[in-house]
């Protein structure tokens, strides 16, 4: 079922790219998150479930997952009559994805979202989950996704929610506190930077790239900020589950830590 859609593209990697590659090199630990019940695990599993629901009506075609990680989503899709392609910046993630999808006809490659090694108008579905927020030039990345998507193709992107109170605490308070407390923090390697967007700002960038948004879905309600969510995972998960059931719609952009944006590729 595999089809060769690759073309030759090379580009020197900036320091942000190296930081992201190192940050996501622990493929085994990342995959194990889907088997846990911690707040982080709830984030990944809710995102996975939502995306699978979105893709349920699609019966055939080529699907590209950019930032595929250890291939958890791809392995779920492989039983369907789809041609599946996965790409990730991390060689460790691609190695894990190959092991998970062995014998399932999935085509996998190491690469960058800003320079996709695929031909124009190649895919019926393009996914970018947990990847866009790590790119300094998000507009260029969106144009690249639009380039490889067929006219009318479905594009599903996730974004860390800029308006979330949890994310504000994480980037403005907790990250600094953790850096100050770490031994030898002045010489420690920094974590990769994140460029967060609101629903409206991401929609504007997508529209400029000929991607027409038609739905936004918030996920991962989280009101138990770090480090308490990791120190008391059961209590944090119970609290967040209560919030999920009782949260008013107008509070969604404040309570949920991320959202999924669905769009169609315009002709």
C-alpha atoms as a PDB file:
ATOM      1  CA  UNK A   1       0.000   0.000   0.000  1.00  0.00           C
ATOM      2  CA  UNK A   2       3.003   2.291   0.379  1.00  0.00           C
ATOM      3  CA  UNK A   3       3.455   4.988  -2.256  1.00  0.00           C
ATOM      4  CA  UNK A   4       6.601   7.007  -2.912  1.00  0.00           C
ATOM      5  CA  UNK A   5       5.667  10.684  -2.574  1.00  0.00           C
ATOM      6  CA  UNK A   6       9.028  11.997  -1.410  1.00  0.00           C
ATOM      7  CA  UNK A   7      11.197  14.676  -2.965  1.00  0.00           C
ATOM      8  CA  UNK A   8      14.656  15.836  -1.959  1.00  0.00           C
ATOM      9  CA  UNK A   9      14.731  18.815   0.460  1.00  0.00           C
ATOM     10  CA  UNK A  10      17.455  19.851   2.870  1.00  0.00           C
ATOM     11  CA  UNK A  11      17.800  22.732   5.264  1.00  0.00           C
ATOM     12  CA  UNK A  12      20.150  23.575   8.105  1.00  0.00           C
ATOM     13  CA  UNK A  13      18.617  23.114  11.572  1.00  0.00           C
ATOM     14  CA  UNK A  14      18.405  26.110  13.922  1.00  0.00           C
ATOM     15  CA  UNK A  15      18.982  25.757  17.669  1.00  0.00           C
ATOM     16  CA  UNK A  16      15.240  25.549  18.366  1.00  0.00           C
ATOM     17  CA  UNK A  17      15.061  22.488  16.142  1.00  0.00           C
ATOM     18  CA  UNK A  18      17.854  20.792  18.080  1.00  0.00           C
ATOM     19  CA  UNK A  19      16.158  21.588  21.399  1.00  0.00           C
ATOM     20  CA  UNK A  20      12.881  20.106  20.192  1.00  0.00           C
ATOM     21  CA  UNK A  21      14.632  17.015  18.833  1.00  0.00           C
ATOM     22  CA  UNK A  22      16.323  16.362  22.198  1.00  0.00           C
ATOM     23  CA  UNK A  23      13.175  17.176  24.171  1.00  0.00           C
ATOM     24  CA  UNK A  24      11.179  14.550  22.293  1.00  0.00           C
ATOM     25  CA  UNK A  25      13.854  11.859  22.104  1.00  0.00           C
ATOM     26  CA  UNK A  26      12.354   9.750  24.930  1.00  0.00           C
ATOM     27  CA  UNK A  27       9.977   7.811  22.689  1.00  0.00           C
ATOM     28  CA  UNK A  28       9.286   4.974  25.147  1.00  0.00           C
ATOM     29  CA  UNK A  29       8.314   7.314  27.980  1.00  0.00           C
ATOM     30  CA  UNK A  30       6.138   9.356  25.621  1.00  0.00           C
ATOM     31  CA  UNK A  31       4.260   6.280  24.427  1.00  0.00           C
ATOM     32  CA  UNK A  32       3.715   5.104  28.005  1.00  0.00           C
ATOM     33  CA  UNK A  33       1.747   8.289  28.738  1.00  0.00           C
ATOM     34  CA  UNK A  34      -1.158   6.781  26.823  1.00  0.00           C
ATOM     35  CA  UNK A  35      -1.291   3.940  29.363  1.00  0.00           C
ATOM     36  CA  UNK A  36      -1.322   6.117  32.502  1.00  0.00           C
ATOM     37  CA  UNK A  37      -4.021   8.079  34.375  1.00  0.00           C
ATOM     38  CA  UNK A  38      -2.040  11.220  35.185  1.00  0.00           C
ATOM     39  CA  UNK A  39      -3.155  14.691  34.025  1.00  0.00           C
ATOM     40  CA  UNK A  40      -0.585  14.514  31.212  1.00  0.00           C
ATOM     41  CA  UNK A  41      -1.959  11.139  30.142  1.00  0.00           C
ATOM     42  CA  UNK A  42      -5.496  12.529  30.113  1.00  0.00           C
ATOM     43  CA  UNK A  43      -4.310  15.291  27.777  1.00  0.00           C
ATOM     44  CA  UNK A  44      -2.853  12.880  25.219  1.00  0.00           C
ATOM     45  CA  UNK A  45      -5.695  10.380  25.420  1.00  0.00           C
ATOM     46  CA  UNK A  46      -8.431  12.973  25.061  1.00  0.00           C
ATOM     47  CA  UNK A  47      -6.669  14.471  22.049  1.00  0.00           C
ATOM     48  CA  UNK A  48      -6.256  11.007  20.517  1.00  0.00           C
ATOM     49  CA  UNK A  49      -9.915  10.143  21.070  1.00  0.00           C
ATOM     50  CA  UNK A  50     -11.157  13.405  19.571  1.00  0.00           C
ATOM     51  CA  UNK A  51      -9.018  12.990  16.452  1.00  0.00           C
ATOM     52  CA  UNK A  52     -10.157   9.386  15.975  1.00  0.00           C
ATOM     53  CA  UNK A  53     -13.759  10.591  16.185  1.00  0.00           C
ATOM     54  CA  UNK A  54     -13.076  13.262  13.564  1.00  0.00           C
ATOM     55  CA  UNK A  55     -11.511  10.697  11.220  1.00  0.00           C
ATOM     56  CA  UNK A  56     -14.177   8.027  11.702  1.00  0.00           C
ATOM     57  CA  UNK A  57     -16.247   9.048   8.614  1.00  0.00           C
ATOM     58  CA  UNK A  58     -13.197   8.937   6.308  1.00  0.00           C
ATOM     59  CA  UNK A  59     -13.210   5.610   4.516  1.00  0.00           C
ATOM     60  CA  UNK A  60     -10.256   5.895   2.152  1.00  0.00           C
ATOM     61  CA  UNK A  61      -7.434   8.146   0.986  1.00  0.00           C
ATOM     62  CA  UNK A  62      -3.947   9.239   2.012  1.00  0.00           C
ATOM     63  CA  UNK A  63      -3.374  10.467   5.565  1.00  0.00           C
ATOM     64  CA  UNK A  64      -0.282  12.368   6.743  1.00  0.00           C
ATOM     65  CA  UNK A  65       0.525  12.729  10.451  1.00  0.00           C
ATOM     66  CA  UNK A  66       3.224  15.381  10.942  1.00  0.00           C
ATOM     67  CA  UNK A  67       4.814  15.023  14.372  1.00  0.00           C
ATOM     68  CA  UNK A  68       3.584  11.441  14.577  1.00  0.00           C
ATOM     69  CA  UNK A  69       5.686  10.636  17.658  1.00  0.00           C
ATOM     70  CA  UNK A  70       5.805   6.907  18.531  1.00  0.00           C
ATOM     71  CA  UNK A  71       2.972   6.134  16.114  1.00  0.00           C
ATOM     72  CA  UNK A  72       0.093   5.598  18.551  1.00  0.00           C
ATOM     73  CA  UNK A  73      -2.440   7.297  16.272  1.00  0.00           C
ATOM     74  CA  UNK A  74      -1.023   5.729  13.111  1.00  0.00           C
ATOM     75  CA  UNK A  75      -1.299   2.225  14.537  1.00  0.00           C
ATOM     76  CA  UNK A  76      -4.977   2.881  15.339  1.00  0.00           C
ATOM     77  CA  UNK A  77      -5.630   3.971  11.750  1.00  0.00           C
ATOM     78  CA  UNK A  78      -3.668   1.171  10.084  1.00  0.00           C
ATOM     79  CA  UNK A  79      -6.552  -1.307  10.236  1.00  0.00           C
ATOM     80  CA  UNK A  80      -8.601   0.908   7.914  1.00  0.00           C
ATOM     81  CA  UNK A  81      -8.286   1.114   4.086  1.00  0.00           C
ATOM     82  CA  UNK A  82      -6.039   4.184   4.215  1.00  0.00           C
ATOM     83  CA  UNK A  83      -2.562   4.977   2.926  1.00  0.00           C
ATOM     84  CA  UNK A  84      -0.820   6.264   6.034  1.00  0.00           C
ATOM     85  CA  UNK A  85       2.284   8.439   6.220  1.00  0.00           C
ATOM     86  CA  UNK A  86       4.027   9.661   9.355  1.00  0.00           C
ATOM     87  CA  UNK A  87       6.818  12.182   9.801  1.00  0.00           C
ATOM     88  CA  UNK A  88       8.643  13.325  12.922  1.00  0.00           C
ATOM     89  CA  UNK A  89      11.671  15.443  13.755  1.00  0.00           C
ATOM     90  CA  UNK A  90      12.968  12.856  16.231  1.00  0.00           C
ATOM     91  CA  UNK A  91      14.736   9.739  14.870  1.00  0.00           C
ATOM     92  CA  UNK A  92      13.934   8.007  18.170  1.00  0.00           C
ATOM     93  CA  UNK A  93      10.220   8.644  17.671  1.00  0.00           C
ATOM     94  CA  UNK A  94      10.307   7.311  14.123  1.00  0.00           C
ATOM     95  CA  UNK A  95      12.163   4.181  15.301  1.00  0.00           C
ATOM     96  CA  UNK A  96       9.451   3.610  17.911  1.00  0.00           C
ATOM     97  CA  UNK A  97       6.716   4.229  15.330  1.00  0.00           C
ATOM     98  CA  UNK A  98       8.301   1.696  12.952  1.00  0.00           C
ATOM     99  CA  UNK A  99       8.343  -0.911  15.697  1.00  0.00           C
ATOM    100  CA  UNK A 100       4.722  -0.204  16.612  1.00  0.00           C
ATOM    101  CA  UNK A 101       3.493  -0.185  12.994  1.00  0.00           C
ATOM    102  CA  UNK A 102       5.640  -3.067  11.725  1.00  0.00           C
ATOM    103  CA  UNK A 103       3.865  -4.949   8.969  1.00  0.00           C
ATOM    104  CA  UNK A 104       0.976  -2.470   8.788  1.00  0.00           C
ATOM    105  CA  UNK A 105       2.031  -0.717   5.574  1.00  0.00           C
ATOM    106  CA  UNK A 106       2.738   2.661   7.187  1.00  0.00           C
ATOM    107  CA  UNK A 107       5.328   4.906   5.481  1.00  0.00           C
ATOM    108  CA  UNK A 108       7.519   6.762   7.984  1.00  0.00           C
ATOM    109  CA  UNK A 109      10.253   9.390   7.649  1.00  0.00           C
ATOM    110  CA  UNK A 110      12.363  11.780   9.719  1.00  0.00           C
ATOM    111  CA  UNK A 111      11.789  15.400   8.723  1.00  0.00           C
ATOM    112  CA  UNK A 112      10.550  18.887   9.542  1.00  0.00           C
ATOM    113  CA  UNK A 113       7.132  20.418   9.118  1.00  0.00           C
ATOM    114  CA  UNK A 114       8.593  23.529   7.488  1.00  0.00           C
ATOM    115  CA  UNK A 115      10.143  21.382   4.713  1.00  0.00           C
ATOM    116  CA  UNK A 116       7.827  18.458   4.091  1.00  0.00           C
ATOM    117  CA  UNK A 117       9.398  15.884   1.733  1.00  0.00           C
ATOM    118  CA  UNK A 118       6.172  15.266  -0.194  1.00  0.00           C
ATOM    119  CA  UNK A 119       4.736  16.359  -3.510  1.00  0.00           C
ATOM    120  CA  UNK A 120       2.055  19.018  -3.887  1.00  0.00           C
ATOM    121  CA  UNK A 121      -1.583  17.940  -3.372  1.00  0.00           C
ATOM    122  CA  UNK A 122      -0.650  14.497  -2.070  1.00  0.00           C
ATOM    123  CA  UNK A 123      -2.970  13.971   0.921  1.00  0.00           C
ATOM    124  CA  UNK A 124      -6.671  13.752   1.663  1.00  0.00           C
ATOM    125  CA  UNK A 125      -6.064  14.336   5.379  1.00  0.00           C
ATOM    126  CA  UNK A 126      -3.191  16.184   7.077  1.00  0.00           C
ATOM    127  CA  UNK A 127      -2.663  16.139  10.836  1.00  0.00           C
ATOM    128  CA  UNK A 128      -0.361  18.307  12.937  1.00  0.00           C
ATOM    129  CA  UNK A 129      -0.745  17.400  16.613  1.00  0.00           C
ATOM    130  CA  UNK A 130       1.560  18.854  19.245  1.00  0.00           C
ATOM    131  CA  UNK A 131       3.995  20.282  16.720  1.00  0.00           C
ATOM    132  CA  UNK A 132       2.930  23.752  15.546  1.00  0.00           C
ATOM    133  CA  UNK A 133       3.547  25.475  18.888  1.00  0.00           C
ATOM    134  CA  UNK A 134       7.261  24.630  18.711  1.00  0.00           C
ATOM    135  CA  UNK A 135       7.808  26.395  15.387  1.00  0.00           C
ATOM    136  CA  UNK A 136       8.904  30.055  15.258  1.00  0.00           C
ATOM    137  CA  UNK A 137       7.590  30.445  11.696  1.00  0.00           C
ATOM    138  CA  UNK A 138       4.112  29.011  12.033  1.00  0.00           C
ATOM    139  CA  UNK A 139       2.838  30.784   8.922  1.00  0.00           C
ATOM    140  CA  UNK A 140       5.413  29.032   6.736  1.00  0.00           C
ATOM    141  CA  UNK A 141       4.483  25.703   8.327  1.00  0.00           C
ATOM    142  CA  UNK A 142       0.795  26.242   7.579  1.00  0.00           C
ATOM    143  CA  UNK A 143       1.558  27.069   3.949  1.00  0.00           C
ATOM    144  CA  UNK A 144       3.590  23.865   3.749  1.00  0.00           C
ATOM    145  CA  UNK A 145       0.709  21.797   5.129  1.00  0.00           C
ATOM    146  CA  UNK A 146      -1.610  23.461   2.618  1.00  0.00           C
ATOM    147  CA  UNK A 147       0.853  22.695  -0.178  1.00  0.00           C
ATOM    148  CA  UNK A 148       0.787  18.930   0.386  1.00  0.00           C
ATOM    149  CA  UNK A 149      -2.967  18.798   1.048  1.00  0.00           C
ATOM    150  CA  UNK A 150      -5.334  18.212  -1.859  1.00  0.00           C
ATOM    151  CA  UNK A 151      -8.025  20.821  -2.556  1.00  0.00           C
ATOM    152  CA  UNK A 152     -10.895  19.940  -0.245  1.00  0.00           C
ATOM    153  CA  UNK A 153      -8.644  17.906   2.070  1.00  0.00           C
ATOM    154  CA  UNK A 154      -9.290  17.894   5.813  1.00  0.00           C
ATOM    155  CA  UNK A 155      -6.582  19.464   7.988  1.00  0.00           C
ATOM    156  CA  UNK A 156      -6.593  18.940  11.763  1.00  0.00           C
ATOM    157  CA  UNK A 157      -4.199  20.924  13.928  1.00  0.00           C
ATOM    158  CA  UNK A 158      -3.757  21.111  17.689  1.00  0.00           C
ATOM    159  CA  UNK A 159      -2.559  24.178  19.547  1.00  0.00           C
ATOM    160  CA  UNK A 160      -1.692  24.887  23.155  1.00  0.00           C
ATOM    161  CA  UNK A 161      -4.291  27.402  24.296  1.00  0.00           C
ATOM    162  CA  UNK A 162      -2.734  30.806  24.876  1.00  0.00           C
ATOM    163  CA  UNK A 163      -5.707  31.966  26.969  1.00  0.00           C
ATOM    164  CA  UNK A 164      -5.655  29.015  29.378  1.00  0.00           C
ATOM    165  CA  UNK A 165      -4.946  29.951  32.991  1.00  0.00           C
ATOM    166  CA  UNK A 166      -2.990  26.718  33.407  1.00  0.00           C
ATOM    167  CA  UNK A 167      -0.741  27.545  30.451  1.00  0.00           C
ATOM    168  CA  UNK A 168      -0.250  31.108  31.683  1.00  0.00           C
ATOM    169  CA  UNK A 169       0.937  29.758  35.039  1.00  0.00           C
ATOM    170  CA  UNK A 170       3.127  27.154  33.353  1.00  0.00           C
ATOM    171  CA  UNK A 171       5.038  29.599  31.141  1.00  0.00           C
ATOM    172  CA  UNK A 172       5.040  32.680  33.387  1.00  0.00           C
ATOM    173  CA  UNK A 173       5.598  31.290  36.902  1.00  0.00           C
ATOM    174  CA  UNK A 174       6.336  27.592  37.096  1.00  0.00           C
ATOM    175  CA  UNK A 175       8.966  27.471  34.358  1.00  0.00           C
ATOM    176  CA  UNK A 176      10.987  30.237  36.023  1.00  0.00           C
ATOM    177  CA  UNK A 177      10.587  28.653  39.462  1.00  0.00           C
ATOM    178  CA  UNK A 178      11.769  25.259  38.144  1.00  0.00           C
ATOM    179  CA  UNK A 179      14.759  26.855  36.406  1.00  0.00           C
ATOM    180  CA  UNK A 180      15.836  28.696  39.576  1.00  0.00           C
ATOM    181  CA  UNK A 181      15.572  25.547  41.696  1.00  0.00           C
ATOM    182  CA  UNK A 182      17.545  23.281  39.367  1.00  0.00           C
ATOM    183  CA  UNK A 183      21.227  22.701  40.286  1.00  0.00           C
ATOM    184  CA  UNK A 184      23.539  24.644  38.035  1.00  0.00           C
ATOM    185  CA  UNK A 185      20.570  26.265  36.348  1.00  0.00           C
ATOM    186  CA  UNK A 186      22.620  28.987  34.746  1.00  0.00           C
ATOM    187  CA  UNK A 187      24.399  26.460  32.539  1.00  0.00           C
ATOM    188  CA  UNK A 188      21.497  24.067  32.053  1.00  0.00           C
ATOM    189  CA  UNK A 189      20.146  23.474  28.561  1.00  0.00           C
ATOM    190  CA  UNK A 190      16.861  25.361  28.124  1.00  0.00           C
ATOM    191  CA  UNK A 191      13.630  23.689  27.124  1.00  0.00           C
ATOM    192  CA  UNK A 192      12.375  24.489  23.634  1.00  0.00           C
ATOM    193  CA  UNK A 193      10.367  27.674  23.378  1.00  0.00           C
ATOM    194  CA  UNK A 194       6.657  27.524  22.610  1.00  0.00           C
ATOM    195  CA  UNK A 195       4.745  29.998  20.435  1.00  0.00           C
ATOM    196  CA  UNK A 196       1.137  29.847  21.665  1.00  0.00           C
ATOM    197  CA  UNK A 197      -1.948  31.038  19.805  1.00  0.00           C
ATOM    198  CA  UNK A 198      -5.555  31.758  20.611  1.00  0.00           C
ATOM    199  CA  UNK A 199      -8.343  30.267  18.520  1.00  0.00           C
ATOM    200  CA  UNK A 200      -8.801  33.514  16.595  1.00  0.00           C
ATOM    201  CA  UNK A 201      -5.122  34.128  15.874  1.00  0.00           C
ATOM    202  CA  UNK A 202      -4.582  30.566  14.626  1.00  0.00           C
ATOM    203  CA  UNK A 203      -7.697  30.795  12.449  1.00  0.00           C
ATOM    204  CA  UNK A 204      -6.375  33.967  10.820  1.00  0.00           C
ATOM    205  CA  UNK A 205      -3.055  32.321   9.988  1.00  0.00           C
ATOM    206  CA  UNK A 206      -4.791  29.265   8.592  1.00  0.00           C
ATOM    207  CA  UNK A 207      -7.040  31.372   6.377  1.00  0.00           C
ATOM    208  CA  UNK A 208      -3.990  33.164   4.966  1.00  0.00           C
ATOM    209  CA  UNK A 209      -2.595  29.740   3.996  1.00  0.00           C
ATOM    210  CA  UNK A 210      -5.790  28.763   2.092  1.00  0.00           C
ATOM    211  CA  UNK A 211      -7.022  26.618   4.968  1.00  0.00           C
ATOM    212  CA  UNK A 212     -10.656  27.332   5.811  1.00  0.00           C
ATOM    213  CA  UNK A 213     -11.422  26.554   9.504  1.00  0.00           C
ATOM    214  CA  UNK A 214     -14.873  25.137  10.163  1.00  0.00           C
ATOM    215  CA  UNK A 215     -14.668  23.790  13.710  1.00  0.00           C
ATOM    216  CA  UNK A 216     -12.773  24.305  16.973  1.00  0.00           C
ATOM    217  CA  UNK A 217     -12.842  21.793  19.820  1.00  0.00           C
ATOM    218  CA  UNK A 218     -11.333  22.604  23.206  1.00  0.00           C
ATOM    219  CA  UNK A 219      -9.929  19.725  25.252  1.00  0.00           C
ATOM    220  CA  UNK A 220      -8.038  18.959  28.478  1.00  0.00           C
ATOM    221  CA  UNK A 221      -9.803  20.984  31.188  1.00  0.00           C
ATOM    222  CA  UNK A 222      -7.109  21.548  33.801  1.00  0.00           C
ATOM    223  CA  UNK A 223      -7.328  23.807  36.854  1.00  0.00           C
ATOM    224  CA  UNK A 224      -4.703  22.076  39.010  1.00  0.00           C
ATOM    225  CA  UNK A 225      -1.480  23.907  38.181  1.00  0.00           C
ATOM    226  CA  UNK A 226       2.067  22.543  38.241  1.00  0.00           C
ATOM    227  CA  UNK A 227       3.718  21.148  40.313  1.00  0.00           C
ATOM    228  CA  UNK A 228       0.587  20.062  42.201  1.00  0.00           C
ATOM    229  CA  UNK A 229      -0.819  18.156  39.219  1.00  0.00           C
ATOM    230  CA  UNK A 230       2.246  15.877  39.138  1.00  0.00           C
ATOM    231  CA  UNK A 231       2.560  15.576  42.931  1.00  0.00           C
ATOM    232  CA  UNK A 232      -1.102  14.647  43.399  1.00  0.00           C
ATOM    233  CA  UNK A 233      -2.130  13.081  40.064  1.00  0.00           C
ATOM    234  CA  UNK A 234      -5.207  11.205  41.323  1.00  0.00           C
ATOM    235  CA  UNK A 235      -6.652  14.253  43.044  1.00  0.00           C
ATOM    236  CA  UNK A 236      -5.812  16.466  40.076  1.00  0.00           C
ATOM    237  CA  UNK A 237      -7.460  14.044  37.649  1.00  0.00           C
ATOM    238  CA  UNK A 238     -10.596  13.844  39.802  1.00  0.00           C
ATOM    239  CA  UNK A 239     -10.824  17.627  40.010  1.00  0.00           C
ATOM    240  CA  UNK A 240     -10.314  18.055  36.293  1.00  0.00           C
ATOM    241  CA  UNK A 241     -12.938  15.401  35.547  1.00  0.00           C
ATOM    242  CA  UNK A 242     -15.428  17.327  37.686  1.00  0.00           C
ATOM    243  CA  UNK A 243     -14.564  20.536  35.849  1.00  0.00           C
ATOM    244  CA  UNK A 244     -15.056  18.777  32.506  1.00  0.00           C
ATOM    245  CA  UNK A 245     -18.607  17.815  33.464  1.00  0.00           C
ATOM    246  CA  UNK A 246     -19.593  21.120  35.057  1.00  0.00           C
ATOM    247  CA  UNK A 247     -17.710  23.804  33.128  1.00  0.00           C
ATOM    248  CA  UNK A 248     -19.831  26.459  31.404  1.00  0.00           C
ATOM    249  CA  UNK A 249     -19.238  26.934  27.680  1.00  0.00           C
ATOM    250  CA  UNK A 250     -18.069  30.527  28.058  1.00  0.00           C
ATOM    251  CA  UNK A 251     -15.262  29.332  30.347  1.00  0.00           C
ATOM    252  CA  UNK A 252     -13.869  26.849  27.808  1.00  0.00           C
ATOM    253  CA  UNK A 253     -11.065  29.146  26.504  1.00  0.00           C
ATOM    254  CA  UNK A 254      -9.880  29.773  30.069  1.00  0.00           C
ATOM    255  CA  UNK A 255     -10.191  26.281  31.542  1.00  0.00           C
ATOM    256  CA  UNK A 256      -9.010  24.084  28.648  1.00  0.00           C
ATOM    257  CA  UNK A 257      -5.280  23.895  28.016  1.00  0.00           C
ATOM    258  CA  UNK A 258      -5.481  23.160  24.273  1.00  0.00           C
ATOM    259  CA  UNK A 259      -7.778  22.999  21.276  1.00  0.00           C
ATOM    260  CA  UNK A 260      -8.136  21.240  17.932  1.00  0.00           C
ATOM    261  CA  UNK A 261      -8.874  23.237  14.790  1.00  0.00           C
ATOM    262  CA  UNK A 262     -10.403  21.536  11.764  1.00  0.00           C
ATOM    263  CA  UNK A 263     -10.187  23.111   8.337  1.00  0.00           C
ATOM    264  CA  UNK A 264     -10.565  22.353   4.625  1.00  0.00           C
ATOM    265  CA  UNK A 265      -7.964  23.118   1.999  1.00  0.00           C
ATOM    266  CA  UNK A 266      -9.391  25.705  -0.375  1.00  0.00           C
ATOM    267  CA  UNK A 267      -8.816  25.254  -4.139  1.00  0.00           C
END
